[in-house]
Amino acid sequence: MASYNKGKVLSTYGAKENAVLVKEDWTKRWENHHIAFHMPQADPDLVKFKDRLSNGGSKVFVPLCGKTLDLLYLVELGHEVIGCEICEMPILEFFEDHSVKYERWQHPTAPFEIFKGIDKKITIYKGDFFELKSSIVGKFDGAWDRGAFGSVHPSLEFKYADVMNDLMKANGRYILSTFEYETALPGPPFSVHAEDIAAALGRYFNISKLEYYETKDYNFLQRAACPVTGITISLLSPK
């Protein structure tokens, strides 16, 4: 998954590697296969907590989706799935890799190109996540956020929460998966602590922890001499 901001850097961080990444940065990352936590299968935590994802509805949002196989898994569960991704390369690879026929067109009033599956209920909006509104995509029964919140620069977490609040139905269910580690890494992904989630998303959502565990499975952490990271799975429901 990917994060981005079309404007200038909003951070007070001094190091270049802590700058907000723009569309061109993420395009280069995809071209160089430098996407830190793309998985070759559906995320095990999504599989484990799939029944907590919605409260009876079936329209599910996957922010900053890249080409995650979670999209296919959610469709196989019977959901209508909508993703958002700023780079064209992973969108095309997703549809082509899985032989999903699609149509594409430009949204008539919003800055998004729409890729819609013909034989599967998958739609991806190509454009800036921070420009997405419920007036464009509607509201969602569920959201699966694996690493997306932790991919945006910390200076954009409150803005990210504003978008998610607008997109969720009043009885929606939002499952959030975040990384937490102690070694100083430039990110993304950024280390997300409970207080970060509470400060940004707690303004709009009730938050409960479903699970916390530690893992050594991520190569980007091993390369940075940070062999262990904590994974927190949280369930959010609108207040």
Protein backbone atom coordinates (compact mmCIF):
# COMPACT_ATOMS: atom_id res chain seq x y z
CA MET A 1 0.00 0.00 0.00
CA ALA A 2 1.07 3.57 -0.50
CA SER A 3 0.87 7.04 0.95
CA TYR A 4 1.25 10.37 -0.71
CA ASN A 5 0.48 14.07 -0.63
CA LYS A 6 0.19 16.22 -3.72
CA GLY A 7 1.33 19.36 -1.95
CA LYS A 8 4.55 20.42 -0.28
CA VAL A 9 6.02 18.74 2.77
CA LEU A 10 3.98 19.59 5.84
CA SER A 11 6.41 18.15 8.34
CA THR A 12 8.94 19.87 10.56
CA TYR A 13 11.17 16.79 10.24
CA GLY A 14 14.54 17.79 8.86
CA ALA A 15 15.74 14.64 7.12
CA LYS A 16 14.80 14.16 3.47
CA GLU A 17 13.73 10.57 4.12
CA ASN A 18 11.09 11.87 6.52
CA ALA A 19 9.49 14.05 3.86
CA VAL A 20 5.94 13.46 2.68
CA LEU A 21 6.15 11.27 -0.40
CA VAL A 22 4.45 12.56 -3.54
CA LYS A 23 2.97 10.60 -6.44
CA GLU A 24 6.29 10.46 -8.32
CA ASP A 25 8.03 8.97 -5.27
CA TRP A 26 5.50 6.18 -5.02
CA THR A 27 5.62 5.52 -8.76
CA LYS A 28 9.38 5.00 -8.51
CA ARG A 29 8.91 2.68 -5.54
CA TRP A 30 6.52 0.50 -7.52
CA GLU A 31 8.82 0.51 -10.54
CA ASN A 32 11.75 -0.55 -8.34
CA HIS A 33 9.67 -3.09 -6.39
CA HIS A 34 10.42 -1.11 -3.24
CA ILE A 35 7.06 -1.58 -1.54
CA ALA A 36 7.90 -2.66 1.96
CA PHE A 37 4.97 -4.81 3.00
CA HIS A 38 3.13 -6.10 -0.04
CA MET A 39 2.14 -9.73 0.65
CA PRO A 40 1.83 -12.65 -1.82
CA GLN A 41 -1.42 -13.78 -0.19
CA ALA A 42 -4.40 -12.40 1.70
CA ASP A 43 -3.36 -11.00 5.05
CA PRO A 44 -3.78 -13.62 7.82
CA ASP A 45 -5.25 -11.02 10.17
CA LEU A 46 -7.96 -10.17 7.65
CA VAL A 47 -8.74 -13.87 7.36
CA LYS A 48 -8.88 -14.18 11.15
CA PHE A 49 -11.12 -11.18 11.75
CA LYS A 50 -13.19 -11.20 8.57
CA ASP A 51 -16.42 -11.66 10.50
CA ARG A 52 -15.82 -8.41 12.41
CA LEU A 53 -15.48 -6.37 9.24
CA SER A 54 -19.04 -5.18 8.71
CA ASN A 55 -22.30 -4.92 10.58
CA GLY A 56 -24.56 -6.58 8.04
CA GLY A 57 -23.62 -4.56 4.95
CA SER A 58 -21.28 -5.63 2.19
CA LYS A 59 -19.63 -2.52 0.74
CA VAL A 60 -15.99 -2.51 1.90
CA PHE A 61 -13.27 0.10 1.41
CA VAL A 62 -9.53 -0.65 1.16
CA PRO A 63 -7.51 2.58 1.38
CA LEU A 64 -4.13 2.94 -0.38
CA CYS A 65 -4.69 -0.53 -1.77
CA GLY A 66 -1.79 -1.02 -4.19
CA LYS A 67 -2.31 -4.48 -5.71
CA THR A 68 -3.11 -6.31 -2.50
CA LEU A 69 -4.65 -9.75 -2.76
CA ASP A 70 -6.95 -8.70 0.07
CA LEU A 71 -9.17 -7.19 -2.64
CA LEU A 72 -9.79 -10.60 -4.18
CA TYR A 73 -10.27 -12.25 -0.80
CA LEU A 74 -12.92 -9.75 0.21
CA VAL A 75 -14.78 -10.22 -3.07
CA GLU A 76 -14.72 -13.99 -2.55
CA LEU A 77 -16.41 -13.38 0.81
CA GLY A 78 -19.26 -11.70 -1.07
CA HIS A 79 -18.37 -8.06 -0.54
CA GLU A 80 -18.43 -5.24 -3.04
CA VAL A 81 -14.88 -3.87 -2.76
CA ILE A 82 -13.64 -0.36 -3.53
CA GLY A 83 -9.97 0.57 -3.30
CA CYS A 84 -8.06 3.80 -3.74
CA GLU A 85 -4.52 3.98 -5.15
CA ILE A 86 -2.56 6.87 -6.64
CA CYS A 87 -0.24 4.88 -8.94
CA GLU A 88 -1.45 3.26 -12.15
CA MET A 89 1.17 0.49 -12.25
CA PRO A 90 -0.13 -1.62 -9.31
CA ILE A 91 -3.73 -1.17 -10.47
CA LEU A 92 -2.95 -2.53 -13.93
CA GLU A 93 -0.83 -5.34 -12.46
CA PHE A 94 -3.64 -6.33 -10.12
CA PHE A 95 -6.21 -6.73 -12.89
CA GLU A 96 -3.74 -8.34 -15.31
CA ASP A 97 -2.11 -10.71 -12.79
CA HIS A 98 -5.49 -12.14 -11.82
CA SER A 99 -7.07 -12.06 -15.30
CA VAL A 100 -9.85 -9.75 -14.10
CA LYS A 101 -11.50 -7.97 -17.01
CA TYR A 102 -12.14 -4.31 -16.33
CA GLU A 103 -13.39 -1.05 -17.75
CA ARG A 104 -11.77 2.33 -17.09
CA TRP A 105 -13.02 5.87 -17.38
CA GLN A 106 -12.49 9.32 -15.94
CA HIS A 107 -14.87 10.46 -13.22
CA PRO A 108 -16.93 13.30 -14.73
CA THR A 109 -16.51 15.73 -11.84
CA ALA A 110 -13.75 14.43 -9.54
CA PRO A 111 -9.99 13.98 -10.10
CA PHE A 112 -10.16 10.18 -10.24
CA GLU A 113 -9.85 7.57 -12.96
CA ILE A 114 -12.07 4.58 -12.24
CA PHE A 115 -11.05 0.95 -12.90
CA LYS A 116 -14.07 -1.32 -12.51
CA GLY A 117 -14.04 -5.10 -12.73
CA ILE A 118 -16.50 -6.55 -15.22
CA ASP A 119 -16.92 -10.01 -13.74
CA LYS A 120 -15.84 -9.26 -10.16
CA LYS A 121 -17.16 -6.62 -7.76
CA ILE A 122 -13.86 -4.74 -7.50
CA THR A 123 -13.45 -1.04 -8.29
CA ILE A 124 -10.26 0.98 -7.81
CA TYR A 125 -10.21 4.76 -7.86
CA LYS A 126 -6.88 6.05 -9.14
CA GLY A 127 -6.12 9.36 -7.50
CA ASP A 128 -5.22 11.17 -4.31
CA PHE A 129 -6.76 9.53 -1.24
CA PHE A 130 -7.02 12.93 0.41
CA GLU A 131 -9.35 14.08 -2.38
CA LEU A 132 -11.75 11.16 -1.87
CA LYS A 133 -15.23 11.99 -0.55
CA SER A 134 -18.39 10.07 0.18
CA SER A 135 -20.10 12.20 -2.50
CA ILE A 136 -17.78 10.43 -5.00
CA VAL A 137 -17.73 6.81 -3.76
CA GLY A 138 -20.61 6.65 -1.29
CA LYS A 139 -20.36 5.42 2.29
CA PHE A 140 -19.05 2.07 3.45
CA ASP A 141 -20.26 -0.73 5.69
CA GLY A 142 -16.68 -1.82 6.38
CA ALA A 143 -13.07 -0.80 5.87
CA TRP A 144 -9.91 -2.92 5.91
CA ASP A 145 -6.85 -0.77 6.56
CA ARG A 146 -3.66 -2.82 6.51
CA GLY A 147 -0.74 -0.45 6.94
CA ALA A 148 -2.40 2.46 5.14
CA PHE A 149 -2.77 4.70 8.19
CA GLY A 150 0.85 3.90 9.05
CA SER A 151 1.96 4.73 5.52
CA VAL A 152 0.91 8.36 5.62
CA HIS A 153 3.36 10.81 7.11
CA PRO A 154 2.58 11.52 10.79
CA SER A 155 1.77 15.13 9.88
CA LEU A 156 -1.16 13.85 7.78
CA GLU A 157 -2.75 11.46 10.27
CA PHE A 158 -5.51 13.88 11.30
CA LYS A 159 -6.34 14.64 7.67
CA TYR A 160 -6.41 10.90 6.97
CA ALA A 161 -8.89 10.42 9.83
CA ASP A 162 -11.11 13.17 8.42
CA VAL A 163 -11.41 11.27 5.14
CA MET A 164 -12.15 7.95 6.81
CA ASN A 165 -14.81 9.54 9.01
CA ASP A 166 -16.57 10.92 5.96
CA LEU A 167 -16.52 7.54 4.19
CA MET A 168 -17.91 5.31 6.95
CA LYS A 169 -21.59 4.64 7.60
CA ALA A 170 -22.93 5.33 11.08
CA ASN A 171 -22.99 1.59 11.84
CA GLY A 172 -19.81 0.78 9.89
CA ARG A 173 -16.91 -1.36 11.06
CA TYR A 174 -13.31 -0.33 10.42
CA ILE A 175 -10.46 -2.79 11.06
CA LEU A 176 -7.05 -1.17 11.35
CA SER A 177 -3.70 -2.99 11.24
CA THR A 178 -0.63 -1.01 12.29
CA PHE A 179 3.10 -1.56 12.82
CA GLU A 180 4.92 -0.54 15.98
CA TYR A 181 8.69 -0.64 16.45
CA GLU A 182 11.33 1.12 18.52
CA THR A 183 14.24 1.44 16.10
CA ALA A 184 14.32 4.85 14.42
CA LEU A 185 13.31 4.22 10.81
CA PRO A 186 12.52 6.96 8.30
CA GLY A 187 9.33 5.31 7.07
CA PRO A 188 7.07 4.54 5.46
CA PRO A 189 5.78 2.47 7.06
CA PHE A 190 5.90 4.61 10.17
CA SER A 191 5.66 3.24 13.67
CA VAL A 192 2.14 3.78 15.01
CA HIS A 193 1.41 3.75 18.74
CA ALA A 194 -1.92 3.54 20.52
CA GLU A 195 -1.81 7.24 21.33
CA ASP A 196 -1.38 8.08 17.64
CA ILE A 197 -4.51 6.12 16.77
CA ALA A 198 -6.44 7.68 19.64
CA ALA A 199 -5.37 11.23 18.81
CA ALA A 200 -6.30 11.13 15.12
CA LEU A 201 -9.02 8.50 14.75
CA GLY A 202 -10.38 8.63 18.30
CA ARG A 203 -12.05 11.93 17.48
CA TYR A 204 -14.56 10.03 15.33
CA PHE A 205 -14.38 6.35 16.30
CA ASN A 206 -14.65 4.13 19.34
CA ILE A 207 -11.50 2.01 19.38
CA SER A 208 -10.98 -1.47 20.76
CA LYS A 209 -7.90 -3.67 20.43
CA LEU A 210 -8.57 -7.03 18.84
CA GLU A 211 -5.02 -8.37 19.04
CA TYR A 212 -1.37 -7.50 19.51
CA TYR A 213 1.52 -9.76 18.55
CA GLU A 214 5.18 -9.54 17.58
CA THR A 215 6.68 -10.76 14.32
CA LYS A 216 10.06 -11.04 12.61
CA ASP A 217 8.66 -11.56 9.14
CA TYR A 218 9.28 -8.20 7.50
CA ASN A 219 12.48 -7.81 5.49
CA PHE A 220 12.43 -4.02 5.63
CA LEU A 221 12.78 -4.22 9.42
CA GLN A 222 15.57 -6.77 9.25
CA ARG A 223 17.50 -4.60 6.81
CA ALA A 224 17.21 -1.75 9.30
CA ALA A 225 18.51 -3.88 12.19
CA CYS A 226 15.06 -3.93 13.74
CA PRO A 227 14.27 -7.66 13.85
CA VAL A 228 10.99 -7.48 15.75
CA THR A 229 7.90 -5.37 15.20
CA GLY A 230 4.58 -5.30 16.96
CA ILE A 231 1.35 -5.66 15.00
CA THR A 232 -1.80 -4.15 16.50
CA ILE A 233 -5.24 -5.01 15.11
CA SER A 234 -7.88 -2.51 16.17
CA LEU A 235 -11.63 -2.40 15.62
CA LEU A 236 -13.11 1.04 15.12
CA SER A 237 -16.79 1.97 15.08
CA PRO A 238 -18.19 5.48 14.51
CA LYS A 239 -19.20 7.36 17.64
